[in-house]
């Protein structure tokens, strides 16, 4: 119970801090209104129906953002695979792997959703420049 209360406190602070990126109540409900499963990694508690991708983001946001595969109970699996109590999970990463927007459909945890939404928001804000030879480019008119 103490671990759950401590996590509740941490998540509420994080949700409040990042409230401009995500609806406050969505963040709270995504984090706490689920059945928990225990993961034997210090400090990580996941929810029922959490995926290997959720687990990757709980380890570290960079692990989640570059997650390439999951090995669950010694078998190579999709990052979208739902975890179960007692699963032994290994996450493989590759710096070349970048998240796809459909990953949002396969995560339950607040941390995974927030990190993915933040990543896509930054990606959308990146400026682009057309070449000067493009006939439709406003710069050439």
N, C-alpha and C. Protein backbone atom coordinates (compact mmCIF):
# COMPACT_ATOMS: atom_id res chain seq x y z
N UNK A 1 0.82 -1.19 0.00
CA UNK A 1 0.00 0.00 0.00
C UNK A 1 0.87 1.26 0.00
N UNK A 2 1.97 1.22 0.74
CA UNK A 2 2.84 2.39 0.81
C UNK A 2 3.45 2.70 -0.56
N UNK A 3 3.85 1.64 -1.28
CA UNK A 3 4.42 1.84 -2.61
C UNK A 3 3.40 2.47 -3.55
N UNK A 4 2.13 2.02 -3.45
CA UNK A 4 1.08 2.56 -4.30
C UNK A 4 0.85 4.04 -3.98
N UNK A 5 0.82 4.38 -2.70
CA UNK A 5 0.62 5.78 -2.30
C UNK A 5 1.76 6.66 -2.77
N UNK A 6 2.97 6.14 -2.67
CA UNK A 6 4.13 6.92 -3.13
C UNK A 6 4.05 7.13 -4.65
N UNK A 7 3.67 6.08 -5.38
CA UNK A 7 3.52 6.22 -6.83
C UNK A 7 2.41 7.23 -7.15
N UNK A 8 1.30 7.16 -6.41
CA UNK A 8 0.19 8.09 -6.60
C UNK A 8 0.67 9.53 -6.47
N UNK A 9 1.45 9.79 -5.44
CA UNK A 9 1.99 11.14 -5.19
C UNK A 9 2.88 11.59 -6.34
N UNK A 10 3.77 10.72 -6.79
CA UNK A 10 4.69 11.07 -7.87
C UNK A 10 3.93 11.33 -9.17
N UNK A 11 2.98 10.45 -9.48
CA UNK A 11 2.21 10.61 -10.72
C UNK A 11 1.37 11.88 -10.69
N UNK A 12 0.73 12.18 -9.57
CA UNK A 12 -0.07 13.41 -9.49
C UNK A 12 0.78 14.65 -9.73
N UNK A 13 1.99 14.67 -9.16
CA UNK A 13 2.88 15.80 -9.40
C UNK A 13 3.26 15.89 -10.87
N UNK A 14 3.57 14.73 -11.48
CA UNK A 14 3.98 14.71 -12.88
C UNK A 14 2.82 15.12 -13.78
N UNK A 15 1.63 14.61 -13.50
CA UNK A 15 0.45 14.96 -14.30
C UNK A 15 0.18 16.46 -14.19
N UNK A 16 0.26 17.01 -13.00
CA UNK A 16 0.03 18.45 -12.81
C UNK A 16 1.08 19.27 -13.56
N UNK A 17 2.33 18.86 -13.52
CA UNK A 17 3.42 19.58 -14.18
C UNK A 17 3.23 19.57 -15.70
N UNK A 18 2.76 18.44 -16.24
CA UNK A 18 2.62 18.30 -17.69
C UNK A 18 1.17 18.46 -18.14
N UNK A 19 0.35 19.14 -17.37
CA UNK A 19 -1.07 19.24 -17.68
C UNK A 19 -1.34 19.92 -19.02
N UNK A 20 -0.41 20.72 -19.51
CA UNK A 20 -0.61 21.36 -20.81
C UNK A 20 -0.49 20.35 -21.95
N UNK A 21 0.13 19.20 -21.69
CA UNK A 21 0.32 18.19 -22.73
C UNK A 21 -0.79 17.16 -22.77
N UNK A 22 -1.53 17.03 -21.67
CA UNK A 22 -2.51 15.96 -21.59
C UNK A 22 -3.59 16.37 -20.59
N UNK A 23 -4.79 15.92 -20.83
CA UNK A 23 -5.87 16.20 -19.90
C UNK A 23 -5.52 15.61 -18.54
N UNK A 24 -5.69 16.41 -17.49
CA UNK A 24 -5.31 16.00 -16.13
C UNK A 24 -6.00 14.70 -15.72
N UNK A 25 -7.30 14.63 -15.90
CA UNK A 25 -8.04 13.44 -15.47
C UNK A 25 -7.68 12.22 -16.31
N UNK A 26 -7.39 12.39 -17.60
CA UNK A 26 -6.95 11.25 -18.41
C UNK A 26 -5.66 10.69 -17.85
N UNK A 27 -4.76 11.57 -17.46
CA UNK A 27 -3.49 11.13 -16.88
C UNK A 27 -3.69 10.37 -15.59
N UNK A 28 -4.56 10.87 -14.74
CA UNK A 28 -4.82 10.21 -13.45
C UNK A 28 -5.50 8.87 -13.66
N UNK A 29 -6.54 8.85 -14.48
CA UNK A 29 -7.27 7.59 -14.67
C UNK A 29 -6.42 6.55 -15.39
N UNK A 30 -5.59 6.98 -16.33
CA UNK A 30 -4.72 6.03 -17.02
C UNK A 30 -3.72 5.41 -16.06
N UNK A 31 -3.37 6.14 -15.02
CA UNK A 31 -2.37 5.66 -14.08
C UNK A 31 -2.93 4.84 -12.94
N UNK A 32 -4.20 5.04 -12.56
CA UNK A 32 -4.67 4.42 -11.32
C UNK A 32 -5.94 3.61 -11.38
N UNK A 33 -6.72 3.72 -12.41
CA UNK A 33 -7.96 2.95 -12.43
C UNK A 33 -7.81 1.70 -13.27
N UNK A 34 -6.85 0.88 -12.92
CA UNK A 34 -6.57 -0.39 -13.57
C UNK A 34 -6.14 -1.39 -12.50
N UNK A 35 -6.28 -2.66 -12.79
CA UNK A 35 -5.72 -3.68 -11.89
C UNK A 35 -4.23 -3.73 -12.12
N UNK A 36 -3.48 -3.89 -11.05
CA UNK A 36 -2.03 -3.92 -11.16
C UNK A 36 -1.50 -5.33 -11.40
N UNK A 37 -0.36 -5.40 -12.08
CA UNK A 37 0.43 -6.62 -12.13
C UNK A 37 1.79 -6.24 -11.58
N UNK A 38 2.46 -7.16 -10.95
CA UNK A 38 3.76 -6.87 -10.37
C UNK A 38 4.86 -7.23 -11.36
N UNK A 39 5.83 -6.38 -11.48
CA UNK A 39 6.99 -6.60 -12.33
C UNK A 39 8.19 -6.64 -11.41
N UNK A 40 9.05 -7.63 -11.57
CA UNK A 40 10.20 -7.75 -10.68
C UNK A 40 11.37 -6.90 -11.16
N UNK A 41 11.10 -5.64 -11.28
CA UNK A 41 12.09 -4.61 -11.54
C UNK A 41 11.83 -3.58 -10.46
N UNK A 42 12.82 -3.22 -9.69
CA UNK A 42 12.58 -2.31 -8.56
C UNK A 42 11.83 -1.04 -8.97
N UNK A 43 10.75 -0.77 -8.26
CA UNK A 43 10.01 0.47 -8.46
C UNK A 43 9.03 0.49 -9.60
N UNK A 44 8.86 -0.59 -10.35
CA UNK A 44 7.95 -0.59 -11.48
C UNK A 44 6.74 -1.45 -11.17
N UNK A 45 5.56 -0.82 -11.25
CA UNK A 45 4.30 -1.53 -11.12
C UNK A 45 3.50 -1.19 -12.36
N UNK A 46 3.04 -2.22 -13.06
CA UNK A 46 2.24 -2.00 -14.26
C UNK A 46 0.80 -2.40 -14.00
N UNK A 47 -0.06 -2.09 -14.94
CA UNK A 47 -1.49 -2.35 -14.81
C UNK A 47 -1.88 -3.56 -15.63
N UNK A 48 -2.99 -4.14 -15.25
CA UNK A 48 -3.54 -5.25 -16.02
C UNK A 48 -3.70 -4.78 -17.46
N UNK A 49 -3.33 -5.61 -18.40
CA UNK A 49 -3.39 -5.34 -19.84
C UNK A 49 -2.32 -4.37 -20.32
N UNK A 50 -1.33 -4.07 -19.46
CA UNK A 50 -0.19 -3.25 -19.91
C UNK A 50 0.61 -4.07 -20.92
N UNK A 51 1.25 -3.36 -21.83
CA UNK A 51 2.01 -4.03 -22.89
C UNK A 51 3.51 -3.94 -22.62
N UNK A 52 4.25 -4.66 -23.44
CA UNK A 52 5.71 -4.57 -23.36
C UNK A 52 6.16 -3.13 -23.62
N UNK A 53 5.43 -2.42 -24.45
CA UNK A 53 5.75 -1.02 -24.74
C UNK A 53 5.57 -0.16 -23.49
N UNK A 54 4.51 -0.40 -22.72
CA UNK A 54 4.33 0.30 -21.44
C UNK A 54 5.52 0.03 -20.54
N UNK A 55 5.95 -1.22 -20.48
CA UNK A 55 7.08 -1.60 -19.64
C UNK A 55 8.34 -0.86 -20.08
N UNK A 56 8.57 -0.77 -21.38
CA UNK A 56 9.75 -0.07 -21.91
C UNK A 56 9.77 1.39 -21.46
N UNK A 57 8.63 2.07 -21.53
CA UNK A 57 8.56 3.46 -21.10
C UNK A 57 8.71 3.60 -19.59
N UNK A 58 8.24 2.62 -18.82
CA UNK A 58 8.42 2.68 -17.37
C UNK A 58 9.89 2.54 -17.00
N UNK A 59 10.64 1.77 -17.77
CA UNK A 59 12.07 1.64 -17.51
C UNK A 59 12.74 3.00 -17.70
N UNK A 60 12.51 3.60 -18.87
CA UNK A 60 13.06 4.93 -19.19
C UNK A 60 12.41 5.40 -20.48
N UNK A 61 12.16 6.69 -20.60
CA UNK A 61 11.51 7.21 -21.79
C UNK A 61 12.31 6.91 -23.06
N UNK A 62 13.63 6.97 -22.98
CA UNK A 62 14.46 6.68 -24.16
C UNK A 62 14.37 5.21 -24.57
N UNK A 63 14.21 4.32 -23.60
CA UNK A 63 14.03 2.89 -23.91
C UNK A 63 12.72 2.74 -24.68
N UNK A 64 11.66 3.39 -24.21
CA UNK A 64 10.38 3.31 -24.89
C UNK A 64 10.41 3.91 -26.28
N UNK A 65 11.04 5.06 -26.42
CA UNK A 65 11.08 5.74 -27.72
C UNK A 65 11.87 4.97 -28.78
N UNK A 66 12.79 4.12 -28.35
CA UNK A 66 13.63 3.38 -29.30
C UNK A 66 13.44 1.87 -29.17
N UNK A 67 12.31 1.44 -28.59
CA UNK A 67 12.06 0.02 -28.40
C UNK A 67 11.84 -0.67 -29.75
N UNK A 68 12.60 -1.72 -29.96
CA UNK A 68 12.51 -2.43 -31.23
C UNK A 68 11.78 -3.77 -31.08
N UNK A 69 12.06 -4.47 -30.00
CA UNK A 69 11.42 -5.78 -29.79
C UNK A 69 11.33 -6.09 -28.31
N UNK A 70 10.51 -7.06 -28.01
CA UNK A 70 10.41 -7.57 -26.64
C UNK A 70 10.68 -9.07 -26.69
N UNK A 71 11.38 -9.53 -25.69
CA UNK A 71 11.55 -10.97 -25.51
C UNK A 71 10.83 -11.27 -24.20
N UNK A 72 9.71 -11.99 -24.31
CA UNK A 72 8.89 -12.31 -23.15
C UNK A 72 8.98 -13.81 -22.88
N UNK A 73 9.45 -14.13 -21.68
CA UNK A 73 9.66 -15.53 -21.28
C UNK A 73 10.51 -16.28 -22.30
N UNK A 74 11.52 -15.57 -22.82
CA UNK A 74 12.48 -16.17 -23.75
C UNK A 74 12.04 -16.20 -25.20
N UNK A 75 10.83 -15.73 -25.48
CA UNK A 75 10.31 -15.76 -26.86
C UNK A 75 10.23 -14.34 -27.42
N UNK A 76 10.66 -14.18 -28.66
CA UNK A 76 10.60 -12.89 -29.32
C UNK A 76 9.14 -12.51 -29.57
N UNK A 77 8.75 -11.31 -29.14
CA UNK A 77 7.35 -10.87 -29.24
C UNK A 77 7.28 -9.43 -29.72
N UNK A 78 6.08 -9.06 -30.12
CA UNK A 78 5.79 -7.68 -30.49
C UNK A 78 5.82 -6.80 -29.24
N UNK A 79 6.14 -5.53 -29.41
CA UNK A 79 6.10 -4.58 -28.31
C UNK A 79 4.66 -4.35 -27.85
N UNK A 80 3.70 -4.74 -28.66
CA UNK A 80 2.29 -4.54 -28.34
C UNK A 80 1.70 -5.68 -27.51
N UNK A 81 2.50 -6.70 -27.25
CA UNK A 81 2.00 -7.88 -26.52
C UNK A 81 1.65 -7.50 -25.08
N UNK A 82 0.49 -7.95 -24.64
CA UNK A 82 0.03 -7.71 -23.27
C UNK A 82 0.82 -8.58 -22.32
N UNK A 83 1.25 -7.99 -21.22
CA UNK A 83 2.02 -8.71 -20.22
C UNK A 83 1.09 -9.35 -19.19
N UNK A 84 1.61 -10.41 -18.58
CA UNK A 84 0.87 -11.12 -17.54
C UNK A 84 1.76 -11.28 -16.32
N UNK A 85 1.14 -11.47 -15.19
CA UNK A 85 1.87 -11.66 -13.94
C UNK A 85 2.88 -12.80 -14.11
N UNK A 86 4.11 -12.53 -13.72
CA UNK A 86 5.16 -13.53 -13.77
C UNK A 86 5.96 -13.53 -15.05
N UNK A 87 5.60 -12.70 -16.03
CA UNK A 87 6.36 -12.65 -17.28
C UNK A 87 7.77 -12.13 -17.03
N UNK A 88 8.71 -12.70 -17.74
CA UNK A 88 10.10 -12.23 -17.72
C UNK A 88 10.28 -11.47 -19.04
N UNK A 89 10.54 -10.15 -18.94
CA UNK A 89 10.54 -9.29 -20.13
C UNK A 89 11.92 -8.67 -20.35
N UNK A 90 12.37 -8.73 -21.58
CA UNK A 90 13.61 -8.07 -22.00
C UNK A 90 13.23 -7.15 -23.17
N UNK A 91 13.71 -5.92 -23.13
CA UNK A 91 13.41 -4.95 -24.19
C UNK A 91 14.67 -4.70 -25.00
N UNK A 92 14.57 -4.86 -26.31
CA UNK A 92 15.68 -4.55 -27.20
C UNK A 92 15.46 -3.18 -27.82
N UNK A 93 16.51 -2.38 -27.89
CA UNK A 93 16.39 -1.03 -28.44
C UNK A 93 17.32 -0.84 -29.62
N UNK A 94 17.02 0.14 -30.43
CA UNK A 94 17.85 0.55 -31.55
C UNK A 94 17.63 2.04 -31.73
N UNK A 95 18.69 2.82 -31.75
CA UNK A 95 18.58 4.28 -31.89
C UNK A 95 17.88 4.68 -33.19
N UNK A 96 17.90 3.81 -34.19
CA UNK A 96 17.26 4.12 -35.47
C UNK A 96 15.74 3.96 -35.40
N UNK A 97 15.26 3.22 -34.43
CA UNK A 97 13.82 3.01 -34.28
C UNK A 97 13.19 4.25 -33.67
N UNK A 98 12.14 4.74 -34.29
CA UNK A 98 11.41 5.90 -33.79
C UNK A 98 9.94 5.52 -33.63
N UNK A 99 9.25 6.12 -32.67
CA UNK A 99 7.85 5.78 -32.44
C UNK A 99 6.96 6.09 -33.63
N UNK A 100 5.91 5.31 -33.74
CA UNK A 100 4.87 5.55 -34.74
C UNK A 100 3.62 5.99 -33.98
N UNK A 101 2.81 6.83 -34.59
CA UNK A 101 1.64 7.37 -33.89
C UNK A 101 0.69 6.28 -33.42
N UNK A 102 0.62 5.16 -34.12
CA UNK A 102 -0.30 4.10 -33.71
C UNK A 102 0.14 3.44 -32.40
N UNK A 103 1.36 3.71 -31.94
CA UNK A 103 1.80 3.19 -30.64
C UNK A 103 0.89 3.70 -29.53
N UNK A 104 0.30 4.87 -29.71
CA UNK A 104 -0.61 5.42 -28.70
C UNK A 104 -1.80 4.49 -28.45
N UNK A 105 -2.15 3.68 -29.43
CA UNK A 105 -3.26 2.73 -29.28
C UNK A 105 -2.87 1.49 -28.49
N UNK A 106 -1.58 1.36 -28.17
CA UNK A 106 -1.09 0.14 -27.54
C UNK A 106 -0.40 0.39 -26.21
N UNK A 107 -0.66 1.54 -25.61
CA UNK A 107 -0.11 1.83 -24.28
C UNK A 107 -1.24 2.25 -23.34
N UNK A 108 -1.08 1.91 -22.07
CA UNK A 108 -2.08 2.26 -21.06
C UNK A 108 -1.55 3.28 -20.06
N UNK A 109 -0.26 3.26 -19.81
CA UNK A 109 0.28 4.06 -18.73
C UNK A 109 0.40 5.54 -19.11
N UNK A 110 0.25 6.35 -18.09
CA UNK A 110 0.36 7.80 -18.27
C UNK A 110 1.74 8.17 -18.83
N UNK A 111 2.78 7.58 -18.28
CA UNK A 111 4.14 7.94 -18.69
C UNK A 111 4.35 7.65 -20.18
N UNK A 112 3.88 6.50 -20.64
CA UNK A 112 4.03 6.15 -22.06
C UNK A 112 3.24 7.12 -22.94
N UNK A 113 2.00 7.41 -22.56
CA UNK A 113 1.16 8.32 -23.35
C UNK A 113 1.75 9.72 -23.39
N UNK A 114 2.19 10.21 -22.24
CA UNK A 114 2.76 11.56 -22.17
C UNK A 114 4.02 11.67 -23.01
N UNK A 115 4.90 10.67 -22.89
CA UNK A 115 6.16 10.71 -23.64
C UNK A 115 5.90 10.65 -25.14
N UNK A 116 4.99 9.78 -25.56
CA UNK A 116 4.68 9.68 -26.99
C UNK A 116 4.05 10.97 -27.51
N UNK A 117 3.08 11.51 -26.78
CA UNK A 117 2.43 12.75 -27.24
C UNK A 117 3.42 13.90 -27.31
N UNK A 118 4.30 13.97 -26.35
CA UNK A 118 5.33 15.01 -26.34
C UNK A 118 6.26 14.85 -27.55
N UNK A 119 6.64 13.61 -27.82
CA UNK A 119 7.52 13.32 -28.97
C UNK A 119 6.86 13.74 -30.28
N UNK A 120 5.58 13.38 -30.45
CA UNK A 120 4.88 13.72 -31.69
C UNK A 120 4.64 15.23 -31.81
N UNK A 121 4.40 15.91 -30.69
CA UNK A 121 4.21 17.36 -30.71
C UNK A 121 5.49 18.05 -31.15
N UNK A 122 6.62 17.60 -30.64
CA UNK A 122 7.91 18.20 -31.03
C UNK A 122 8.20 17.93 -32.49
N UNK A 123 7.89 16.72 -32.94
CA UNK A 123 8.12 16.34 -34.33
C UNK A 123 7.26 17.20 -35.26
N UNK A 124 6.03 17.50 -34.86
CA UNK A 124 5.12 18.31 -35.69
C UNK A 124 5.59 19.75 -35.79
N UNK A 125 6.30 20.23 -34.79
CA UNK A 125 6.75 21.62 -34.77
C UNK A 125 8.05 21.83 -35.54
N UNK A 126 8.69 20.73 -35.99
CA UNK A 126 9.96 20.88 -36.69
C UNK A 126 9.75 21.62 -37.99
N UNK A 127 10.52 22.70 -38.24
CA UNK A 127 10.35 23.44 -39.49
C UNK A 127 10.93 22.66 -40.67
N UNK A 128 10.38 22.90 -41.81
CA UNK A 128 10.94 22.27 -43.01
C UNK A 128 11.16 23.35 -44.05
N UNK A 129 12.10 23.10 -44.93
CA UNK A 129 12.45 24.06 -45.98
C UNK A 129 12.37 23.33 -47.31
N UNK A 130 11.64 23.91 -48.22
CA UNK A 130 11.57 23.34 -49.57
C UNK A 130 12.77 23.82 -50.36
N UNK A 131 13.13 23.01 -51.32
CA UNK A 131 14.26 23.41 -52.15
C UNK A 131 13.85 24.59 -53.03
N UNK A 132 14.81 25.35 -53.48
CA UNK A 132 14.52 26.55 -54.28
C UNK A 132 14.08 26.20 -55.70
N UNK A 133 14.16 24.94 -56.08
CA UNK A 133 13.79 24.54 -57.44
C UNK A 133 12.35 24.06 -57.55
N UNK A 134 11.66 23.98 -56.45
CA UNK A 134 10.28 23.51 -56.45
C UNK A 134 9.37 24.60 -57.03
N UNK A 135 8.61 24.30 -58.08
CA UNK A 135 7.77 25.34 -58.69
C UNK A 135 6.62 25.80 -57.80
N UNK A 136 6.24 25.03 -56.79
CA UNK A 136 5.15 25.38 -55.93
C UNK A 136 5.61 26.08 -54.66
N UNK A 137 6.89 26.23 -54.53
CA UNK A 137 7.46 26.81 -53.31
C UNK A 137 7.23 28.33 -53.31
N UNK A 138 6.68 28.87 -52.22
CA UNK A 138 6.46 30.33 -52.15
C UNK A 138 7.77 31.11 -52.25
N UNK A 139 8.88 30.50 -51.89
CA UNK A 139 10.16 31.21 -51.91
C UNK A 139 10.62 31.47 -53.33
N UNK A 140 10.13 30.69 -54.31
CA UNK A 140 10.59 30.87 -55.70
C UNK A 140 9.70 31.82 -56.48
N UNK A 141 8.62 32.28 -55.86
CA UNK A 141 7.70 33.18 -56.59
C UNK A 141 8.03 34.61 -56.31
